[in-house]
Amino acid sequence: YHYYCAPGNAQHLEQPVSLCDPYSNPQAQEIVQLLPHPIWGEYGYPTEKGQGWIGDPRTWVLDTGGLASRLYFYQDPNTPPAERRWTSIDMGTEIFVSDKDEEAEWILSDLDVILL
């Protein structure tokens, strides 16, 4: 992952680390940013630098549930794994960190929810 934040109560974090914002983050930890990589292609995400950015007009079909179900998150040693429950879906774009007045356009045209 390019940017990941860990839960604030973790006892054995690997460095470097950034803690999640406990007030605005709905999960104890989250992946904030993925850079294009061939491994993400199976789930419909960009695989090469420049894909999915300004000037790339293609439509993306993303398997967010498939990707999320295969990601590993922080867990303290000798503790039971947490069960991740998806009680809501947050969609959209976010300007990550910038000192400029940024503008983003993000359009959601179709959504399929598949429960297994």
N, C-alpha and C. Protein backbone atom coordinates (compact mmCIF):
# COMPACT_ATOMS: atom_id res chain seq x y z
N TYR A 1 0.85 -1.17 0.00
CA TYR A 1 0.00 0.00 0.00
C TYR A 1 0.90 1.23 0.00
N HIS A 2 0.44 2.29 -0.64
CA HIS A 2 1.23 3.51 -0.65
C HIS A 2 1.07 4.25 0.67
N TYR A 3 -0.13 4.30 1.18
CA TYR A 3 -0.36 5.00 2.45
C TYR A 3 -1.38 4.22 3.25
N TYR A 4 -1.02 3.90 4.47
CA TYR A 4 -1.84 3.07 5.34
C TYR A 4 -1.82 3.70 6.73
N CYS A 5 -2.96 3.71 7.40
CA CYS A 5 -2.96 4.18 8.78
C CYS A 5 -3.37 3.04 9.70
N ALA A 6 -2.73 2.99 10.85
CA ALA A 6 -2.91 1.89 11.79
C ALA A 6 -3.79 2.32 12.97
N PRO A 7 -4.36 1.35 13.69
CA PRO A 7 -5.19 1.70 14.84
C PRO A 7 -4.37 2.34 15.95
N GLY A 8 -4.95 3.31 16.62
CA GLY A 8 -4.24 4.06 17.65
C GLY A 8 -3.87 3.24 18.88
N ASN A 9 -4.54 2.13 19.12
CA ASN A 9 -4.24 1.33 20.31
C ASN A 9 -3.32 0.15 20.02
N ALA A 10 -2.73 0.08 18.85
CA ALA A 10 -1.83 -1.02 18.49
C ALA A 10 -0.58 -0.99 19.36
N GLN A 11 -0.11 -2.15 19.76
CA GLN A 11 1.03 -2.23 20.67
C GLN A 11 2.34 -2.61 19.99
N HIS A 12 2.31 -3.13 18.78
CA HIS A 12 3.52 -3.63 18.12
C HIS A 12 3.59 -3.16 16.67
N LEU A 13 3.52 -1.87 16.46
CA LEU A 13 3.51 -1.33 15.10
C LEU A 13 4.90 -1.37 14.47
N GLU A 14 4.93 -1.66 13.17
CA GLU A 14 6.17 -1.60 12.41
C GLU A 14 6.36 -0.17 11.91
N GLN A 15 7.59 0.27 11.86
CA GLN A 15 7.90 1.61 11.39
C GLN A 15 8.20 1.57 9.89
N PRO A 16 7.93 2.60 9.13
CA PRO A 16 7.25 3.83 9.56
C PRO A 16 5.76 3.59 9.71
N VAL A 17 5.12 4.41 10.51
CA VAL A 17 3.70 4.23 10.76
C VAL A 17 3.01 5.58 10.88
N SER A 18 1.75 5.59 10.54
CA SER A 18 0.88 6.75 10.73
C SER A 18 -0.39 6.23 11.38
N LEU A 19 -0.84 6.89 12.43
CA LEU A 19 -2.06 6.46 13.11
C LEU A 19 -3.28 7.05 12.43
N CYS A 20 -4.37 6.30 12.43
CA CYS A 20 -5.62 6.77 11.84
C CYS A 20 -6.24 7.86 12.71
N ASP A 21 -6.97 8.73 12.08
CA ASP A 21 -7.72 9.77 12.79
C ASP A 21 -8.90 9.11 13.50
N PRO A 22 -8.93 9.10 14.83
CA PRO A 22 -9.99 8.40 15.55
C PRO A 22 -11.36 9.06 15.44
N TYR A 23 -11.42 10.30 14.95
CA TYR A 23 -12.69 11.02 14.92
C TYR A 23 -13.40 10.92 13.57
N SER A 24 -12.65 10.86 12.48
CA SER A 24 -13.30 10.84 11.18
C SER A 24 -13.18 9.50 10.48
N ASN A 25 -12.45 8.58 11.04
CA ASN A 25 -12.23 7.30 10.39
C ASN A 25 -13.23 6.27 10.92
N PRO A 26 -14.07 5.70 10.07
CA PRO A 26 -15.08 4.75 10.54
C PRO A 26 -14.52 3.39 10.93
N GLN A 27 -13.34 3.05 10.47
CA GLN A 27 -12.72 1.77 10.81
C GLN A 27 -11.51 2.05 11.69
N ALA A 28 -11.10 1.04 12.44
CA ALA A 28 -9.92 1.21 13.29
C ALA A 28 -8.65 1.40 12.47
N GLN A 29 -8.65 0.97 11.24
CA GLN A 29 -7.52 1.15 10.34
C GLN A 29 -8.03 1.13 8.92
N GLU A 30 -7.27 1.74 8.04
CA GLU A 30 -7.71 1.76 6.65
C GLU A 30 -6.54 1.98 5.71
N ILE A 31 -6.75 1.57 4.49
CA ILE A 31 -5.80 1.90 3.43
C ILE A 31 -6.28 3.19 2.81
N VAL A 32 -5.44 4.18 2.82
CA VAL A 32 -5.83 5.50 2.35
C VAL A 32 -5.51 5.69 0.88
N GLN A 33 -4.44 5.07 0.41
CA GLN A 33 -4.06 5.27 -0.98
C GLN A 33 -3.34 4.04 -1.52
N LEU A 34 -3.78 3.58 -2.69
CA LEU A 34 -3.12 2.50 -3.41
C LEU A 34 -2.47 3.10 -4.66
N LEU A 35 -1.22 2.78 -4.88
CA LEU A 35 -0.58 3.17 -6.14
C LEU A 35 -0.82 2.08 -7.16
N PRO A 36 -0.85 2.42 -8.46
CA PRO A 36 -1.02 1.38 -9.47
C PRO A 36 0.03 0.28 -9.33
N HIS A 37 -0.43 -0.96 -9.45
CA HIS A 37 0.47 -2.10 -9.33
C HIS A 37 -0.20 -3.29 -10.01
N PRO A 38 0.56 -4.17 -10.67
CA PRO A 38 -0.04 -5.31 -11.36
C PRO A 38 -0.93 -6.18 -10.47
N ILE A 39 -0.63 -6.28 -9.20
CA ILE A 39 -1.43 -7.14 -8.31
C ILE A 39 -2.87 -6.66 -8.18
N TRP A 40 -3.11 -5.35 -8.35
CA TRP A 40 -4.47 -4.80 -8.20
C TRP A 40 -5.31 -5.01 -9.45
N GLY A 41 -4.68 -5.37 -10.57
CA GLY A 41 -5.41 -5.52 -11.84
C GLY A 41 -6.51 -6.56 -11.77
N GLU A 42 -6.32 -7.60 -11.00
CA GLU A 42 -7.35 -8.65 -10.87
C GLU A 42 -8.67 -8.08 -10.35
N TYR A 43 -8.60 -6.97 -9.65
CA TYR A 43 -9.79 -6.36 -9.06
C TYR A 43 -10.25 -5.11 -9.81
N GLY A 44 -9.65 -4.86 -10.99
CA GLY A 44 -10.09 -3.76 -11.84
C GLY A 44 -9.39 -2.45 -11.59
N TYR A 45 -8.41 -2.41 -10.70
CA TYR A 45 -7.72 -1.16 -10.36
C TYR A 45 -6.56 -0.91 -11.31
N PRO A 46 -6.09 0.34 -11.39
CA PRO A 46 -4.96 0.67 -12.27
C PRO A 46 -3.72 -0.17 -11.95
N THR A 47 -3.01 -0.54 -13.00
CA THR A 47 -1.81 -1.38 -12.84
C THR A 47 -0.52 -0.64 -13.22
N GLU A 48 -0.65 0.50 -13.90
CA GLU A 48 0.54 1.23 -14.34
C GLU A 48 0.39 2.71 -14.00
N LYS A 49 1.53 3.36 -13.75
CA LYS A 49 1.56 4.79 -13.45
C LYS A 49 0.84 5.58 -14.54
N GLY A 50 0.03 6.54 -14.14
CA GLY A 50 -0.70 7.38 -15.08
C GLY A 50 -2.11 6.91 -15.36
N GLN A 51 -2.42 5.66 -15.06
CA GLN A 51 -3.78 5.17 -15.27
C GLN A 51 -4.69 5.71 -14.17
N GLY A 52 -5.90 6.09 -14.55
CA GLY A 52 -6.88 6.53 -13.58
C GLY A 52 -6.73 7.97 -13.13
N TRP A 53 -5.90 8.74 -13.81
CA TRP A 53 -5.69 10.13 -13.42
C TRP A 53 -6.21 11.05 -14.51
N ILE A 54 -5.95 12.32 -14.38
CA ILE A 54 -6.40 13.33 -15.34
C ILE A 54 -5.96 12.93 -16.74
N GLY A 55 -6.91 13.00 -17.67
CA GLY A 55 -6.61 12.66 -19.05
C GLY A 55 -6.84 11.20 -19.39
N ASP A 56 -7.21 10.39 -18.40
CA ASP A 56 -7.50 8.97 -18.64
C ASP A 56 -9.02 8.82 -18.54
N PRO A 57 -9.72 8.87 -19.68
CA PRO A 57 -11.18 8.92 -19.66
C PRO A 57 -11.90 7.57 -19.52
N ARG A 58 -11.17 6.49 -19.40
CA ARG A 58 -11.83 5.18 -19.40
C ARG A 58 -12.70 4.98 -18.16
N THR A 59 -13.62 4.07 -18.27
CA THR A 59 -14.49 3.68 -17.15
C THR A 59 -13.86 2.50 -16.44
N TRP A 60 -13.87 2.54 -15.12
CA TRP A 60 -13.27 1.48 -14.32
C TRP A 60 -14.37 0.67 -13.64
N VAL A 61 -14.27 -0.63 -13.71
CA VAL A 61 -15.17 -1.53 -12.99
C VAL A 61 -14.33 -2.14 -11.88
N LEU A 62 -14.58 -1.71 -10.65
CA LEU A 62 -13.75 -2.09 -9.51
C LEU A 62 -14.44 -3.13 -8.64
N ASP A 63 -13.73 -4.15 -8.30
CA ASP A 63 -14.23 -5.17 -7.36
C ASP A 63 -13.68 -4.80 -5.98
N THR A 64 -14.29 -3.80 -5.35
CA THR A 64 -13.79 -3.31 -4.07
C THR A 64 -13.93 -4.36 -2.97
N GLY A 65 -14.99 -5.12 -2.99
CA GLY A 65 -15.17 -6.16 -1.99
C GLY A 65 -14.13 -7.26 -2.15
N GLY A 66 -13.85 -7.64 -3.39
CA GLY A 66 -12.84 -8.67 -3.64
C GLY A 66 -11.47 -8.22 -3.16
N LEU A 67 -11.12 -6.98 -3.47
CA LEU A 67 -9.83 -6.46 -3.03
C LEU A 67 -9.78 -6.39 -1.50
N ALA A 68 -10.80 -5.81 -0.89
CA ALA A 68 -10.80 -5.63 0.56
C ALA A 68 -10.77 -6.95 1.32
N SER A 69 -11.39 -7.99 0.76
CA SER A 69 -11.42 -9.27 1.45
C SER A 69 -10.07 -9.97 1.45
N ARG A 70 -9.14 -9.50 0.63
CA ARG A 70 -7.84 -10.14 0.53
C ARG A 70 -6.70 -9.32 1.10
N LEU A 71 -7.01 -8.16 1.67
CA LEU A 71 -5.98 -7.31 2.25
C LEU A 71 -5.76 -7.70 3.71
N TYR A 72 -4.53 -7.60 4.13
CA TYR A 72 -4.19 -7.92 5.50
C TYR A 72 -3.99 -6.63 6.29
N PHE A 73 -4.57 -6.59 7.48
CA PHE A 73 -4.47 -5.43 8.34
C PHE A 73 -3.67 -5.77 9.59
N TYR A 74 -3.31 -4.76 10.32
CA TYR A 74 -2.53 -4.93 11.54
C TYR A 74 -3.29 -5.76 12.57
N GLN A 75 -2.55 -6.60 13.29
CA GLN A 75 -3.13 -7.37 14.38
C GLN A 75 -2.05 -7.56 15.45
N ASP A 76 -2.36 -7.25 16.70
CA ASP A 76 -1.40 -7.48 17.78
C ASP A 76 -1.13 -8.97 17.91
N PRO A 77 0.10 -9.34 18.24
CA PRO A 77 0.42 -10.76 18.41
C PRO A 77 -0.45 -11.41 19.49
N ASN A 78 -0.76 -12.68 19.28
CA ASN A 78 -1.54 -13.49 20.23
C ASN A 78 -2.94 -12.95 20.51
N THR A 79 -3.52 -12.29 19.54
CA THR A 79 -4.90 -11.81 19.67
C THR A 79 -5.72 -12.42 18.55
N PRO A 80 -7.02 -12.62 18.78
CA PRO A 80 -7.85 -13.18 17.70
C PRO A 80 -8.01 -12.16 16.58
N PRO A 81 -8.11 -12.63 15.34
CA PRO A 81 -8.29 -11.69 14.23
C PRO A 81 -9.62 -10.95 14.36
N ALA A 82 -9.59 -9.71 13.97
CA ALA A 82 -10.82 -8.91 13.99
C ALA A 82 -11.69 -9.32 12.81
N GLU A 83 -12.98 -9.28 13.00
CA GLU A 83 -13.92 -9.54 11.92
C GLU A 83 -14.35 -8.21 11.35
N ARG A 84 -14.03 -7.99 10.09
CA ARG A 84 -14.36 -6.71 9.46
C ARG A 84 -15.79 -6.77 8.93
N ARG A 85 -16.61 -5.85 9.37
CA ARG A 85 -18.00 -5.77 8.91
C ARG A 85 -18.20 -4.51 8.09
N TRP A 86 -18.79 -4.68 6.96
CA TRP A 86 -19.03 -3.56 6.06
C TRP A 86 -20.46 -3.09 6.26
N THR A 87 -20.66 -2.17 7.20
CA THR A 87 -22.00 -1.69 7.49
C THR A 87 -22.40 -0.52 6.62
N SER A 88 -21.46 0.06 5.92
CA SER A 88 -21.78 1.15 5.00
C SER A 88 -20.75 1.15 3.88
N ILE A 89 -21.06 1.85 2.84
CA ILE A 89 -20.15 1.98 1.71
C ILE A 89 -19.89 3.47 1.51
N ASP A 90 -18.65 3.87 1.60
CA ASP A 90 -18.27 5.26 1.33
C ASP A 90 -17.62 5.30 -0.04
N MET A 91 -18.15 6.12 -0.92
CA MET A 91 -17.61 6.22 -2.26
C MET A 91 -17.30 7.66 -2.58
N GLY A 92 -16.28 7.83 -3.34
CA GLY A 92 -15.93 9.17 -3.77
C GLY A 92 -14.45 9.33 -3.89
N THR A 93 -14.07 10.52 -4.22
CA THR A 93 -12.66 10.83 -4.34
C THR A 93 -12.29 11.77 -3.22
N GLU A 94 -11.03 11.82 -2.92
CA GLU A 94 -10.54 12.70 -1.86
C GLU A 94 -9.22 13.29 -2.32
N ILE A 95 -9.07 14.59 -2.14
CA ILE A 95 -7.79 15.22 -2.40
C ILE A 95 -6.92 14.88 -1.21
N PHE A 96 -5.86 14.12 -1.44
CA PHE A 96 -5.08 13.58 -0.33
C PHE A 96 -4.38 14.69 0.45
N VAL A 97 -3.28 15.18 0.02
CA VAL A 97 -2.58 16.27 0.70
C VAL A 97 -2.14 17.25 -0.37
N SER A 98 -2.55 18.50 -0.20
CA SER A 98 -2.18 19.50 -1.19
C SER A 98 -2.23 20.88 -0.56
N ASP A 99 -1.34 21.74 -0.99
CA ASP A 99 -1.36 23.13 -0.52
C ASP A 99 -1.97 24.04 -1.58
N LYS A 100 -2.58 23.45 -2.61
CA LYS A 100 -3.21 24.20 -3.69
C LYS A 100 -4.73 24.04 -3.60
N ASP A 101 -5.46 24.91 -4.29
CA ASP A 101 -6.91 24.74 -4.42
C ASP A 101 -7.14 23.68 -5.49
N GLU A 102 -7.41 22.46 -5.05
CA GLU A 102 -7.58 21.34 -5.97
C GLU A 102 -9.05 21.14 -6.30
N GLU A 103 -9.30 20.54 -7.45
CA GLU A 103 -10.65 20.21 -7.86
C GLU A 103 -10.65 18.78 -8.39
N ALA A 104 -11.66 18.02 -7.98
CA ALA A 104 -11.76 16.63 -8.44
C ALA A 104 -13.16 16.37 -8.96
N GLU A 105 -13.24 15.59 -10.02
CA GLU A 105 -14.54 15.17 -10.54
C GLU A 105 -14.61 13.67 -10.44
N TRP A 106 -15.69 13.19 -9.85
CA TRP A 106 -15.85 11.75 -9.64
C TRP A 106 -17.31 11.42 -9.89
N ILE A 107 -17.57 10.48 -10.76
CA ILE A 107 -18.95 10.14 -11.14
C ILE A 107 -19.19 8.67 -10.87
N LEU A 108 -20.25 8.38 -10.16
CA LEU A 108 -20.67 7.00 -9.94
C LEU A 108 -21.89 6.77 -10.81
N SER A 109 -21.77 5.86 -11.77
CA SER A 109 -22.88 5.66 -12.71
C SER A 109 -23.63 4.36 -12.48
N ASP A 110 -23.04 3.43 -11.74
CA ASP A 110 -23.71 2.14 -11.56
C ASP A 110 -23.13 1.49 -10.31
N LEU A 111 -23.95 0.78 -9.58
CA LEU A 111 -23.49 0.12 -8.37
C LEU A 111 -24.21 -1.21 -8.21
N ASP A 112 -23.45 -2.28 -8.11
CA ASP A 112 -24.01 -3.60 -7.84
C ASP A 112 -23.50 -4.05 -6.48
N VAL A 113 -24.40 -4.44 -5.61
CA VAL A 113 -24.02 -4.98 -4.31
C VAL A 113 -24.32 -6.47 -4.35
N ILE A 114 -23.27 -7.27 -4.19
CA ILE A 114 -23.41 -8.72 -4.24
C ILE A 114 -23.11 -9.26 -2.85
N LEU A 115 -24.09 -9.89 -2.24
CA LEU A 115 -23.91 -10.47 -0.92
C LEU A 115 -23.67 -11.97 -1.05
N LEU A 116 -22.62 -12.44 -0.43
CA LEU A 116 -22.29 -13.86 -0.49
C LEU A 116 -22.53 -14.52 0.84
